Amino acid sequence: MMSYPKAIGPYSAYTVAGDLVFISGQLPLDPETMEFAGKDIKTQTHQSLNNIKAILKELGLGMDCVIKTTVLLSDISDFAQMNEVYSSFFSYPYPARSAFAVRDLPKGAKVEIEVIASRK
């Protein structure tokens, strides 16, 4: 059993190019059920970041290796609550980040997070 969700389309969960790891946008899917971990933004953010953490762990890396994140929200008013959970996964120096609202996310998710990590 994978510790992170399998891709729901024709893409890889991650790819490695030299010292960089590109992790595809992670939806808040529970890897065992492939269903959302919850309906609220905090639970969904936590699950998306746990999925990222699991991918990094498989590669022998930790969250401290993340150098850039992109956070997509279905509702920008969820930003503060997402940020509260997000900040519990990272410490100073924080990765660079872009965060913005989009019209819709796959499967009706509230959040999707992608990252770039460095293996150095």
PDB file of N, CA and C in Angstrom:
ATOM      1  N   MET A   1       0.849  -1.186   0.000  1.00  0.00           N
ATOM      2  CA  MET A   1       0.000   0.000   0.000  1.00  0.00           C
ATOM      3  C   MET A   1       0.888   1.241   0.000  1.00  0.00           C
ATOM      4  N   MET A   2       0.589   2.151  -0.886  1.00  0.00           N
ATOM      5  CA  MET A   2       1.343   3.403  -0.949  1.00  0.00           C
ATOM      6  C   MET A   2       0.964   4.286   0.237  1.00  0.00           C
ATOM      7  N   SER A   3       1.920   5.070   0.688  1.00  0.00           N
ATOM      8  CA  SER A   3       1.648   5.977   1.807  1.00  0.00           C
ATOM      9  C   SER A   3       1.182   7.346   1.321  1.00  0.00           C
ATOM     10  N   TYR A   4       1.008   7.475   0.015  1.00  0.00           N
ATOM     11  CA  TYR A   4       0.451   8.688  -0.579  1.00  0.00           C
ATOM     12  C   TYR A   4      -0.468   8.260  -1.719  1.00  0.00           C
ATOM     13  N   PRO A   5      -1.418   9.105  -2.109  1.00  0.00           N
ATOM     14  CA  PRO A   5      -2.385   8.701  -3.136  1.00  0.00           C
ATOM     15  C   PRO A   5      -1.741   8.504  -4.506  1.00  0.00           C
ATOM     16  N   LYS A   6      -2.251   7.523  -5.222  1.00  0.00           N
ATOM     17  CA  LYS A   6      -1.806   7.346  -6.603  1.00  0.00           C
ATOM     18  C   LYS A   6      -2.353   8.511  -7.429  1.00  0.00           C
ATOM     19  N   ALA A   7      -1.688   8.811  -8.509  1.00  0.00           N
ATOM     20  CA  ALA A   7      -2.125   9.900  -9.389  1.00  0.00           C
ATOM     21  C   ALA A   7      -3.517   9.585  -9.940  1.00  0.00           C
ATOM     22  N   ILE A   8      -4.343  10.616 -10.076  1.00  0.00           N
ATOM     23  CA  ILE A   8      -5.705  10.414 -10.589  1.00  0.00           C
ATOM     24  C   ILE A   8      -5.803  10.752 -12.075  1.00  0.00           C
ATOM     25  N   GLY A   9      -4.663  10.903 -12.722  1.00  0.00           N
ATOM     26  CA  GLY A   9      -4.623  11.218 -14.146  1.00  0.00           C
ATOM     27  C   GLY A   9      -3.304  10.767 -14.736  1.00  0.00           C
ATOM     28  N   PRO A  10      -3.048  11.155 -15.980  1.00  0.00           N
ATOM     29  CA  PRO A  10      -1.820  10.741 -16.658  1.00  0.00           C
ATOM     30  C   PRO A  10      -0.613  11.596 -16.257  1.00  0.00           C
ATOM     31  N   TYR A  11      -0.200  11.476 -15.012  1.00  0.00           N
ATOM     32  CA  TYR A  11       0.963  12.205 -14.506  1.00  0.00           C
ATOM     33  C   TYR A  11       1.574  11.409 -13.363  1.00  0.00           C
ATOM     34  N   SER A  12       2.802  11.729 -13.025  1.00  0.00           N
ATOM     35  CA  SER A  12       3.496  11.088 -11.911  1.00  0.00           C
ATOM     36  C   SER A  12       3.282  11.892 -10.640  1.00  0.00           C
ATOM     37  N   ALA A  13       3.290  11.217  -9.512  1.00  0.00           N
ATOM     38  CA  ALA A  13       3.182  11.910  -8.227  1.00  0.00           C
ATOM     39  C   ALA A  13       4.378  12.834  -8.037  1.00  0.00           C
ATOM     40  N   TYR A  14       5.524  12.416  -8.572  1.00  0.00           N
ATOM     41  CA  TYR A  14       6.726  13.251  -8.505  1.00  0.00           C
ATOM     42  C   TYR A  14       7.679  12.846  -9.616  1.00  0.00           C
ATOM     43  N   THR A  15       8.613  13.725  -9.890  1.00  0.00           N
ATOM     44  CA  THR A  15       9.695  13.425 -10.813  1.00  0.00           C
ATOM     45  C   THR A  15      10.956  14.075 -10.272  1.00  0.00           C
ATOM     46  N   VAL A  16      12.084  13.449 -10.559  1.00  0.00           N
ATOM     47  CA  VAL A  16      13.372  13.949 -10.088  1.00  0.00           C
ATOM     48  C   VAL A  16      14.174  14.409 -11.291  1.00  0.00           C
ATOM     49  N   ALA A  17      14.746  15.603 -11.184  1.00  0.00           N
ATOM     50  CA  ALA A  17      15.613  16.150 -12.231  1.00  0.00           C
ATOM     51  C   ALA A  17      16.866  16.688 -11.537  1.00  0.00           C
ATOM     52  N   GLY A  18      17.944  15.940 -11.625  1.00  0.00           N
ATOM     53  CA  GLY A  18      19.165  16.353 -10.933  1.00  0.00           C
ATOM     54  C   GLY A  18      18.931  16.350  -9.435  1.00  0.00           C
ATOM     55  N   ASP A  19      19.210  17.470  -8.798  1.00  0.00           N
ATOM     56  CA  ASP A  19      19.025  17.593  -7.351  1.00  0.00           C
ATOM     57  C   ASP A  19      17.639  18.103  -6.972  1.00  0.00           C
ATOM     58  N   LEU A  20      16.774  18.308  -7.963  1.00  0.00           N
ATOM     59  CA  LEU A  20      15.438  18.836  -7.681  1.00  0.00           C
ATOM     60  C   LEU A  20      14.374  17.744  -7.762  1.00  0.00           C
ATOM     61  N   VAL A  21      13.408  17.832  -6.867  1.00  0.00           N
ATOM     62  CA  VAL A  21      12.255  16.938  -6.862  1.00  0.00           C
ATOM     63  C   VAL A  21      11.020  17.800  -7.086  1.00  0.00           C
ATOM     64  N   PHE A  22      10.258  17.470  -8.105  1.00  0.00           N
ATOM     65  CA  PHE A  22       9.028  18.185  -8.426  1.00  0.00           C
ATOM     66  C   PHE A  22       7.855  17.282  -8.033  1.00  0.00           C
ATOM     67  N   ILE A  23       7.097  17.719  -7.036  1.00  0.00           N
ATOM     68  CA  ILE A  23       5.949  16.937  -6.575  1.00  0.00           C
ATOM     69  C   ILE A  23       4.681  17.560  -7.147  1.00  0.00           C
ATOM     70  N   SER A  24       3.943  16.738  -7.875  1.00  0.00           N
ATOM     71  CA  SER A  24       2.687  17.201  -8.472  1.00  0.00           C
ATOM     72  C   SER A  24       1.722  17.646  -7.387  1.00  0.00           C
ATOM     73  N   GLY A  25       0.785  18.495  -7.781  1.00  0.00           N
ATOM     74  CA  GLY A  25      -0.211  18.982  -6.841  1.00  0.00           C
ATOM     75  C   GLY A  25      -0.879  17.839  -6.094  1.00  0.00           C
ATOM     76  N   GLN A  26      -0.845  17.925  -4.784  1.00  0.00           N
ATOM     77  CA  GLN A  26      -1.438  16.887  -3.940  1.00  0.00           C
ATOM     78  C   GLN A  26      -2.792  17.341  -3.427  1.00  0.00           C
ATOM     79  N   LEU A  27      -3.793  16.576  -3.807  1.00  0.00           N
ATOM     80  CA  LEU A  27      -5.136  16.791  -3.288  1.00  0.00           C
ATOM     81  C   LEU A  27      -5.212  16.163  -1.898  1.00  0.00           C
ATOM     82  N   PRO A  28      -6.223  16.507  -1.126  1.00  0.00           N
ATOM     83  CA  PRO A  28      -6.341  15.980   0.233  1.00  0.00           C
ATOM     84  C   PRO A  28      -6.939  14.575   0.277  1.00  0.00           C
ATOM     85  N   LEU A  29      -6.412  13.684  -0.553  1.00  0.00           N
ATOM     86  CA  LEU A  29      -6.938  12.328  -0.641  1.00  0.00           C
ATOM     87  C   LEU A  29      -6.244  11.402   0.347  1.00  0.00           C
ATOM     88  N   ASP A  30      -7.041  10.633   1.070  1.00  0.00           N
ATOM     89  CA  ASP A  30      -6.506   9.590   1.934  1.00  0.00           C
ATOM     90  C   ASP A  30      -5.989   8.485   1.010  1.00  0.00           C
ATOM     91  N   PRO A  31      -4.717   8.079   1.140  1.00  0.00           N
ATOM     92  CA  PRO A  31      -4.165   7.096   0.210  1.00  0.00           C
ATOM     93  C   PRO A  31      -4.830   5.723   0.285  1.00  0.00           C
ATOM     94  N   GLU A  32      -5.450   5.394   1.403  1.00  0.00           N
ATOM     95  CA  GLU A  32      -6.099   4.088   1.536  1.00  0.00           C
ATOM     96  C   GLU A  32      -7.467   4.052   0.879  1.00  0.00           C
ATOM     97  N   THR A  33      -8.210   5.144   0.988  1.00  0.00           N
ATOM     98  CA  THR A  33      -9.584   5.157   0.471  1.00  0.00           C
ATOM     99  C   THR A  33      -9.731   5.935  -0.832  1.00  0.00           C
ATOM    100  N   MET A  34      -8.742   6.793  -1.128  1.00  0.00           N
ATOM    101  CA  MET A  34      -8.795   7.702  -2.273  1.00  0.00           C
ATOM    102  C   MET A  34     -10.003   8.636  -2.184  1.00  0.00           C
ATOM    103  N   GLU A  35     -10.452   8.888  -0.970  1.00  0.00           N
ATOM    104  CA  GLU A  35     -11.514   9.856  -0.685  1.00  0.00           C
ATOM    105  C   GLU A  35     -10.903  10.999   0.112  1.00  0.00           C
ATOM    106  N   PHE A  36     -11.582  12.146   0.130  1.00  0.00           N
ATOM    107  CA  PHE A  36     -11.088  13.267   0.921  1.00  0.00           C
ATOM    108  C   PHE A  36     -11.005  12.883   2.392  1.00  0.00           C
ATOM    109  N   ALA A  37      -9.951  13.366   3.036  1.00  0.00           N
ATOM    110  CA  ALA A  37      -9.755  13.103   4.461  1.00  0.00           C
ATOM    111  C   ALA A  37     -10.812  13.822   5.296  1.00  0.00           C
ATOM    112  N   GLY A  38     -11.380  14.885   4.793  1.00  0.00           N
ATOM    113  CA  GLY A  38     -12.402  15.656   5.497  1.00  0.00           C
ATOM    114  C   GLY A  38     -12.971  16.705   4.571  1.00  0.00           C
ATOM    115  N   LYS A  39     -13.933  17.462   5.066  1.00  0.00           N
ATOM    116  CA  LYS A  39     -14.577  18.478   4.233  1.00  0.00           C
ATOM    117  C   LYS A  39     -14.098  19.885   4.528  1.00  0.00           C
ATOM    118  N   ASP A  40     -13.460  20.088   5.692  1.00  0.00           N
ATOM    119  CA  ASP A  40     -13.032  21.441   6.052  1.00  0.00           C
ATOM    120  C   ASP A  40     -11.606  21.715   5.559  1.00  0.00           C
ATOM    121  N   ILE A  41     -11.271  22.978   5.421  1.00  0.00           N
ATOM    122  CA  ILE A  41      -9.987  23.381   4.852  1.00  0.00           C
ATOM    123  C   ILE A  41      -8.808  22.926   5.706  1.00  0.00           C
ATOM    124  N   LYS A  42      -8.948  22.955   7.019  1.00  0.00           N
ATOM    125  CA  LYS A  42      -7.830  22.542   7.880  1.00  0.00           C
ATOM    126  C   LYS A  42      -7.502  21.062   7.698  1.00  0.00           C
ATOM    127  N   THR A  43      -8.510  20.222   7.712  1.00  0.00           N
ATOM    128  CA  THR A  43      -8.290  18.787   7.534  1.00  0.00           C
ATOM    129  C   THR A  43      -7.735  18.502   6.148  1.00  0.00           C
ATOM    130  N   GLN A  44      -8.268  19.178   5.134  1.00  0.00           N
ATOM    131  CA  GLN A  44      -7.789  18.951   3.770  1.00  0.00           C
ATOM    132  C   GLN A  44      -6.347  19.429   3.602  1.00  0.00           C
ATOM    133  N   THR A  45      -6.002  20.569   4.175  1.00  0.00           N
ATOM    134  CA  THR A  45      -4.625  21.064   4.084  1.00  0.00           C
ATOM    135  C   THR A  45      -3.676  20.089   4.768  1.00  0.00           C
ATOM    136  N   HIS A  46      -4.056  19.622   5.931  1.00  0.00           N
ATOM    137  CA  HIS A  46      -3.242  18.661   6.677  1.00  0.00           C
ATOM    138  C   HIS A  46      -2.988  17.413   5.837  1.00  0.00           C
ATOM    139  N   GLN A  47      -4.026  16.886   5.185  1.00  0.00           N
ATOM    140  CA  GLN A  47      -3.869  15.678   4.380  1.00  0.00           C
ATOM    141  C   GLN A  47      -2.984  15.925   3.166  1.00  0.00           C
ATOM    142  N   SER A  48      -3.187  17.042   2.473  1.00  0.00           N
ATOM    143  CA  SER A  48      -2.345  17.352   1.311  1.00  0.00           C
ATOM    144  C   SER A  48      -0.878  17.410   1.717  1.00  0.00           C
ATOM    145  N   LEU A  49      -0.595  18.056   2.845  1.00  0.00           N
ATOM    146  CA  LEU A  49       0.788  18.168   3.308  1.00  0.00           C
ATOM    147  C   LEU A  49       1.325  16.832   3.811  1.00  0.00           C
ATOM    148  N   ASN A  50       0.495  16.007   4.414  1.00  0.00           N
ATOM    149  CA  ASN A  50       0.940  14.667   4.804  1.00  0.00           C
ATOM    150  C   ASN A  50       1.279  13.825   3.583  1.00  0.00           C
ATOM    151  N   ASN A  51       0.521  13.996   2.500  1.00  0.00           N
ATOM    152  CA  ASN A  51       0.831  13.282   1.262  1.00  0.00           C
ATOM    153  C   ASN A  51       2.191  13.710   0.729  1.00  0.00           C
ATOM    154  N   ILE A  52       2.470  15.006   0.775  1.00  0.00           N
ATOM    155  CA  ILE A  52       3.769  15.523   0.337  1.00  0.00           C
ATOM    156  C   ILE A  52       4.874  14.968   1.228  1.00  0.00           C
ATOM    157  N   LYS A  53       4.636  14.975   2.507  1.00  0.00           N
ATOM    158  CA  LYS A  53       5.614  14.459   3.477  1.00  0.00           C
ATOM    159  C   LYS A  53       5.929  12.987   3.189  1.00  0.00           C
ATOM    160  N   ALA A  54       4.914  12.197   2.840  1.00  0.00           N
ATOM    161  CA  ALA A  54       5.101  10.776   2.538  1.00  0.00           C
ATOM    162  C   ALA A  54       5.937  10.578   1.276  1.00  0.00           C
ATOM    163  N   ILE A  55       5.700  11.394   0.265  1.00  0.00           N
ATOM    164  CA  ILE A  55       6.502  11.304  -0.960  1.00  0.00           C
ATOM    165  C   ILE A  55       7.951  11.638  -0.650  1.00  0.00           C
ATOM    166  N   LEU A  56       8.164  12.719   0.079  1.00  0.00           N
ATOM    167  CA  LEU A  56       9.529  13.103   0.445  1.00  0.00           C
ATOM    168  C   LEU A  56      10.208  12.004   1.257  1.00  0.00           C
ATOM    169  N   LYS A  57       9.479  11.404   2.182  1.00  0.00           N
ATOM    170  CA  LYS A  57      10.041  10.333   3.008  1.00  0.00           C
ATOM    171  C   LYS A  57      10.482   9.160   2.145  1.00  0.00           C
ATOM    172  N   GLU A  58       9.676   8.813   1.143  1.00  0.00           N
ATOM    173  CA  GLU A  58      10.030   7.724   0.231  1.00  0.00           C
ATOM    174  C   GLU A  58      11.371   8.000  -0.454  1.00  0.00           C
ATOM    175  N   LEU A  59      11.665   9.271  -0.656  1.00  0.00           N
ATOM    176  CA  LEU A  59      12.910   9.681  -1.311  1.00  0.00           C
ATOM    177  C   LEU A  59      14.029   9.957  -0.308  1.00  0.00           C
ATOM    178  N   GLY A  60      13.771   9.702   0.963  1.00  0.00           N
ATOM    179  CA  GLY A  60      14.776   9.947   1.990  1.00  0.00           C
ATOM    180  C   GLY A  60      14.927  11.414   2.347  1.00  0.00           C
ATOM    181  N   LEU A  61      13.881  12.200   2.101  1.00  0.00           N
ATOM    182  CA  LEU A  61      13.918  13.641   2.353  1.00  0.00           C
ATOM    183  C   LEU A  61      12.863  14.026   3.382  1.00  0.00           C
ATOM    184  N   GLY A  62      12.978  15.242   3.899  1.00  0.00           N
ATOM    185  CA  GLY A  62      12.002  15.762   4.840  1.00  0.00           C
ATOM    186  C   GLY A  62      11.425  17.070   4.346  1.00  0.00           C
ATOM    187  N   MET A  63      10.505  17.605   5.096  1.00  0.00           N
ATOM    188  CA  MET A  63       9.866  18.871   4.727  1.00  0.00           C
ATOM    189  C   MET A  63      10.870  20.018   4.693  1.00  0.00           C
ATOM    190  N   ASP A  64      11.980  19.883   5.399  1.00  0.00           N
ATOM    191  CA  ASP A  64      13.009  20.925   5.386  1.00  0.00           C
ATOM    192  C   ASP A  64      13.728  21.013   4.044  1.00  0.00           C
ATOM    193  N   CYS A  65      13.496  20.047   3.162  1.00  0.00           N
ATOM    194  CA  CYS A  65      14.095  20.061   1.822  1.00  0.00           C
ATOM    195  C   CYS A  65      13.242  20.835   0.817  1.00  0.00           C
ATOM    196  N   VAL A  66      12.030  21.209   1.212  1.00  0.00           N
ATOM    197  CA  VAL A  66      11.122  21.939   0.317  1.00  0.00           C
ATOM    198  C   VAL A  66      11.632  23.368   0.142  1.00  0.00           C
ATOM    199  N   ILE A  67      11.782  23.782  -1.125  1.00  0.00           N
ATOM    200  CA  ILE A  67      12.279  25.132  -1.404  1.00  0.00           C
ATOM    201  C   ILE A  67      11.209  26.042  -2.006  1.00  0.00           C
ATOM    202  N   LYS A  68      10.109  25.457  -2.523  1.00  0.00           N
ATOM    203  CA  LYS A  68       9.051  26.267  -3.147  1.00  0.00           C
ATOM    204  C   LYS A  68       7.743  25.505  -3.068  1.00  0.00           C
ATOM    205  N   THR A  69       6.678  26.203  -2.709  1.00  0.00           N
ATOM    206  CA  THR A  69       5.346  25.605  -2.719  1.00  0.00           C
ATOM    207  C   THR A  69       4.399  26.478  -3.529  1.00  0.00           C
ATOM    208  N   THR A  70       3.406  25.832  -4.089  1.00  0.00           N
ATOM    209  CA  THR A  70       2.301  26.537  -4.725  1.00  0.00           C
ATOM    210  C   THR A  70       1.024  25.978  -4.119  1.00  0.00           C
ATOM    211  N   VAL A  71       0.223  26.860  -3.550  1.00  0.00           N
ATOM    212  CA  VAL A  71      -1.020  26.466  -2.888  1.00  0.00           C
ATOM    213  C   VAL A  71      -2.189  27.007  -3.700  1.00  0.00           C
ATOM    214  N   LEU A  72      -3.059  26.115  -4.114  1.00  0.00           N
ATOM    215  CA  LEU A  72      -4.266  26.488  -4.846  1.00  0.00           C
ATOM    216  C   LEU A  72      -5.457  26.299  -3.916  1.00  0.00           C
ATOM    217  N   LEU A  73      -6.270  27.323  -3.798  1.00  0.00           N
ATOM    218  CA  LEU A  73      -7.451  27.288  -2.941  1.00  0.00           C
ATOM    219  C   LEU A  73      -8.705  27.484  -3.783  1.00  0.00           C
ATOM    220  N   SER A  74      -9.764  26.768  -3.453  1.00  0.00           N
ATOM    221  CA  SER A  74     -11.022  26.983  -4.168  1.00  0.00           C
ATOM    222  C   SER A  74     -11.754  28.210  -3.634  1.00  0.00           C
ATOM    223  N   ASP A  75     -11.336  28.699  -2.462  1.00  0.00           N
ATOM    224  CA  ASP A  75     -11.954  29.879  -1.849  1.00  0.00           C
ATOM    225  C   ASP A  75     -10.878  30.641  -1.076  1.00  0.00           C
ATOM    226  N   ILE A  76     -10.540  31.840  -1.515  1.00  0.00           N
ATOM    227  CA  ILE A  76      -9.457  32.608  -0.892  1.00  0.00           C
ATOM    228  C   ILE A  76      -9.761  32.943   0.568  1.00  0.00           C
ATOM    229  N   SER A  77     -11.025  32.918   0.956  1.00  0.00           N
ATOM    230  CA  SER A  77     -11.349  33.186   2.363  1.00  0.00           C
ATOM    231  C   SER A  77     -10.858  32.057   3.282  1.00  0.00           C
ATOM    232  N   ASP A  78     -10.441  30.937   2.709  1.00  0.00           N
ATOM    233  CA  ASP A  78      -9.857  29.837   3.489  1.00  0.00           C
ATOM    234  C   ASP A  78      -8.365  30.043   3.760  1.00  0.00           C
ATOM    235  N   PHE A  79      -7.797  31.136   3.244  1.00  0.00           N
ATOM    236  CA  PHE A  79      -6.347  31.339   3.330  1.00  0.00           C
ATOM    237  C   PHE A  79      -5.820  31.287   4.765  1.00  0.00           C
ATOM    238  N   ALA A  80      -6.438  32.003   5.687  1.00  0.00           N
ATOM    239  CA  ALA A  80      -5.925  32.069   7.065  1.00  0.00           C
ATOM    240  C   ALA A  80      -5.925  30.692   7.732  1.00  0.00           C
ATOM    241  N   GLN A  81      -6.992  29.934   7.548  1.00  0.00           N
ATOM    242  CA  GLN A  81      -7.053  28.599   8.147  1.00  0.00           C
ATOM    243  C   GLN A  81      -6.059  27.647   7.494  1.00  0.00           C
ATOM    244  N   MET A  82      -5.909  27.740   6.173  1.00  0.00           N
ATOM    245  CA  MET A  82      -4.908  26.933   5.488  1.00  0.00           C
ATOM    246  C   MET A  82      -3.530  27.283   6.021  1.00  0.00           C
ATOM    247  N   ASN A  83      -3.261  28.580   6.159  1.00  0.00           N
ATOM    248  CA  ASN A  83      -1.952  29.055   6.593  1.00  0.00           C
ATOM    249  C   ASN A  83      -1.616  28.567   8.004  1.00  0.00           C
ATOM    250  N   GLU A  84      -2.621  28.469   8.844  1.00  0.00           N
ATOM    251  CA  GLU A  84      -2.416  27.974  10.211  1.00  0.00           C
ATOM    252  C   GLU A  84      -1.871  26.544  10.193  1.00  0.00           C
ATOM    253  N   VAL A  85      -2.471  25.688   9.378  1.00  0.00           N
ATOM    254  CA  VAL A  85      -2.006  24.304   9.263  1.00  0.00           C
ATOM    255  C   VAL A  85      -0.666  24.263   8.540  1.00  0.00           C
ATOM    256  N   TYR A  86      -0.562  24.987   7.448  1.00  0.00           N
ATOM    257  CA  TYR A  86       0.667  25.028   6.643  1.00  0.00           C
ATOM    258  C   TYR A  86       1.867  25.369   7.516  1.00  0.00           C
ATOM    259  N   SER A  87       1.721  26.368   8.377  1.00  0.00           N
ATOM    260  CA  SER A  87       2.849  26.825   9.193  1.00  0.00           C
ATOM    261  C   SER A  87       3.320  25.760  10.177  1.00  0.00           C
ATOM    262  N   SER A  88       2.481  24.787  10.494  1.00  0.00           N
ATOM    263  CA  SER A  88       2.893  23.723  11.412  1.00  0.00           C
ATOM    264  C   SER A  88       3.778  22.674  10.738  1.00  0.00           C
ATOM    265  N   PHE A  89       3.859  22.694   9.416  1.00  0.00           N
ATOM    266  CA  PHE A  89       4.673  21.733   8.672  1.00  0.00           C
ATOM    267  C   PHE A  89       6.051  22.275   8.301  1.00  0.00           C
ATOM    268  N   PHE A  90       6.239  23.576   8.425  1.00  0.00           N
ATOM    269  CA  PHE A  90       7.495  24.197   8.005  1.00  0.00           C
ATOM    270  C   PHE A  90       8.068  25.047   9.126  1.00  0.00           C
ATOM    271  N   SER A  91       9.377  25.261   9.061  1.00  0.00           N
ATOM    272  CA  SER A  91      10.026  26.149  10.020  1.00  0.00           C
ATOM    273  C   SER A  91      10.994  27.050   9.256  1.00  0.00           C
ATOM    274  N   TYR A  92      11.475  28.046   9.947  1.00  0.00           N
ATOM    275  CA  TYR A  92      12.390  29.018   9.347  1.00  0.00           C
ATOM    276  C   TYR A  92      13.700  28.339   8.966  1.00  0.00           C
ATOM    277  N   PRO A  93      14.263  28.618   7.808  1.00  0.00           N
ATOM    278  CA  PRO A  93      13.765  29.511   6.761  1.00  0.00           C
ATOM    279  C   PRO A  93      12.674  28.812   5.943  1.00  0.00           C
ATOM    280  N   TYR A  94      11.549  29.476   5.824  1.00  0.00           N
ATOM    281  CA  TYR A  94      10.404  28.911   5.130  1.00  0.00           C
ATOM    282  C   TYR A  94      10.663  28.831   3.632  1.00  0.00           C
ATOM    283  N   PRO A  95      10.012  27.862   2.964  1.00  0.00           N
ATOM    284  CA  PRO A  95      10.147  27.823   1.508  1.00  0.00           C
ATOM    285  C   PRO A  95       9.446  29.020   0.864  1.00  0.00           C
ATOM    286  N   ALA A  96       9.891  29.376  -0.326  1.00  0.00           N
ATOM    287  CA  ALA A  96       9.164  30.380  -1.109  1.00  0.00           C
ATOM    288  C   ALA A  96       7.765  29.810  -1.380  1.00  0.00           C
ATOM    289  N   ARG A  97       6.786  30.696  -1.542  1.00  0.00           N
ATOM    290  CA  ARG A  97       5.417  30.208  -1.740  1.00  0.00           C
ATOM    291  C   ARG A  97       4.607  31.168  -2.589  1.00  0.00           C
ATOM    292  N   SER A  98       3.761  30.581  -3.412  1.00  0.00           N
ATOM    293  CA  SER A  98       2.695  31.309  -4.098  1.00  0.00           C
ATOM    294  C   SER A  98       1.394  30.675  -3.637  1.00  0.00           C
ATOM    295  N   ALA A  99       0.381  31.498  -3.406  1.00  0.00           N
ATOM    296  CA  ALA A  99      -0.926  30.977  -3.007  1.00  0.00           C
ATOM    297  C   ALA A  99      -1.996  31.823  -3.674  1.00  0.00           C
ATOM    298  N   PHE A 100      -2.950  31.162  -4.280  1.00  0.00           N
ATOM    299  CA  PHE A 100      -4.015  31.908  -4.941  1.00  0.00           C
ATOM    300  C   PHE A 100      -5.260  31.056  -5.074  1.00  0.00           C
ATOM    301  N   ALA A 101      -6.370  31.722  -5.317  1.00  0.00           N
ATOM    302  CA  ALA A 101      -7.647  31.041  -5.508  1.00  0.00           C
ATOM    303  C   ALA A 101      -7.838  30.717  -6.983  1.00  0.00           C
ATOM    304  N   VAL A 102      -8.456  29.591  -7.217  1.00  0.00           N
ATOM    305  CA  VAL A 102      -8.812  29.162  -8.566  1.00  0.00           C
ATOM    306  C   VAL A 102     -10.315  28.894  -8.585  1.00  0.00           C
ATOM    307  N   ARG A 103     -10.855  28.809  -9.756  1.00  0.00           N
ATOM    308  CA  ARG A 103     -12.306  28.621  -9.866  1.00  0.00           C
ATOM    309  C   ARG A 103     -12.755  27.279  -9.289  1.00  0.00           C
ATOM    310  N   ASP A 104     -12.065  26.216  -9.651  1.00  0.00           N
ATOM    311  CA  ASP A 104     -12.401  24.869  -9.184  1.00  0.00           C
ATOM    312  C   ASP A 104     -11.134  24.037  -9.079  1.00  0.00           C
ATOM    313  N   LEU A 105     -11.175  23.026  -8.239  1.00  0.00           N
ATOM    314  CA  LEU A 105     -10.090  22.055  -8.117  1.00  0.00           C
ATOM    315  C   LEU A 105     -10.649  20.669  -8.403  1.00  0.00           C
ATOM    316  N   PRO A 106      -9.805  19.726  -8.824  1.00  0.00           N
ATOM    317  CA  PRO A 106     -10.290  18.384  -9.122  1.00  0.00           C
ATOM    318  C   PRO A 106     -11.069  17.778  -7.953  1.00  0.00           C
ATOM    319  N   LYS A 107     -12.125  17.078  -8.300  1.00  0.00           N
ATOM    320  CA  LYS A 107     -12.974  16.369  -7.337  1.00  0.00           C
ATOM    321  C   LYS A 107     -13.635  17.294  -6.318  1.00  0.00           C
ATOM    322  N   GLY A 108     -13.601  18.607  -6.561  1.00  0.00           N
ATOM    323  CA  GLY A 108     -14.214  19.550  -5.633  1.00  0.00           C
ATOM    324  C   GLY A 108     -13.392  19.822  -4.384  1.00  0.00           C
ATOM    325  N   ALA A 109     -12.087  19.574  -4.457  1.00  0.00           N
ATOM    326  CA  ALA A 109     -11.201  19.812  -3.307  1.00  0.00           C
ATOM    327  C   ALA A 109     -11.190  21.289  -2.930  1.00  0.00           C
ATOM    328  N   LYS A 110     -10.866  21.564  -1.678  1.00  0.00           N
ATOM    329  CA  LYS A 110     -10.712  22.940  -1.209  1.00  0.00           C
ATOM    330  C   LYS A 110      -9.281  23.427  -1.383  1.00  0.00           C
ATOM    331  N   VAL A 111      -8.309  22.495  -1.477  1.00  0.00           N
ATOM    332  CA  VAL A 111      -6.902  22.862  -1.561  1.00  0.00           C
ATOM    333  C   VAL A 111      -6.136  21.829  -2.381  1.00  0.00           C
ATOM    334  N   GLU A 112      -5.116  22.302  -3.064  1.00  0.00           N
ATOM    335  CA  GLU A 112      -4.154  21.450  -3.761  1.00  0.00           C
ATOM    336  C   GLU A 112      -2.796  22.115  -3.564  1.00  0.00           C
ATOM    337  N   ILE A 113      -1.791  21.330  -3.227  1.00  0.00           N
ATOM    338  CA  ILE A 113      -0.467  21.889  -2.950  1.00  0.00           C
ATOM    339  C   ILE A 113       0.580  21.120  -3.739  1.00  0.00           C
ATOM    340  N   GLU A 114       1.425  21.867  -4.451  1.00  0.00           N
ATOM    341  CA  GLU A 114       2.558  21.255  -5.145  1.00  0.00           C
ATOM    342  C   GLU A 114       3.837  21.845  -4.578  1.00  0.00           C
ATOM    343  N   VAL A 115       4.924  21.075  -4.671  1.00  0.00           N
ATOM    344  CA  VAL A 115       6.186  21.570  -4.131  1.00  0.00           C
ATOM    345  C   VAL A 115       7.357  21.227  -5.031  1.00  0.00           C
ATOM    346  N   ILE A 116       8.406  21.995  -4.842  1.00  0.00           N
ATOM    347  CA  ILE A 116       9.719  21.691  -5.397  1.00  0.00           C
ATOM    348  C   ILE A 116      10.630  21.521  -4.192  1.00  0.00           C
ATOM    349  N   ALA A 117      11.384  20.433  -4.178  1.00  0.00           N
ATOM    350  CA  ALA A 117      12.316  20.169  -3.083  1.00  0.00           C
ATOM    351  C   ALA A 117      13.713  19.982  -3.661  1.00  0.00           C
ATOM    352  N   SER A 118      14.696  20.187  -2.815  1.00  0.00           N
ATOM    353  CA  SER A 118      16.092  20.010  -3.209  1.00  0.00           C
ATOM    354  C   SER A 118      16.678  18.823  -2.461  1.00  0.00           C
ATOM    355  N   ARG A 119      17.414  17.978  -3.184  1.00  0.00           N
ATOM    356  CA  ARG A 119      18.052  16.823  -2.552  1.00  0.00           C
ATOM    357  C   ARG A 119      19.409  17.188  -1.961  1.00  0.00           C
ATOM    358  N   LYS A 120      19.799  18.448  -2.036  1.00  0.00           N
ATOM    359  CA  LYS A 120      21.072  18.895  -1.448  1.00  0.00           C
ATOM    360  C   LYS A 120      20.845  19.513  -0.106  1.00  0.00           C
TER     361      LYS A 120
END
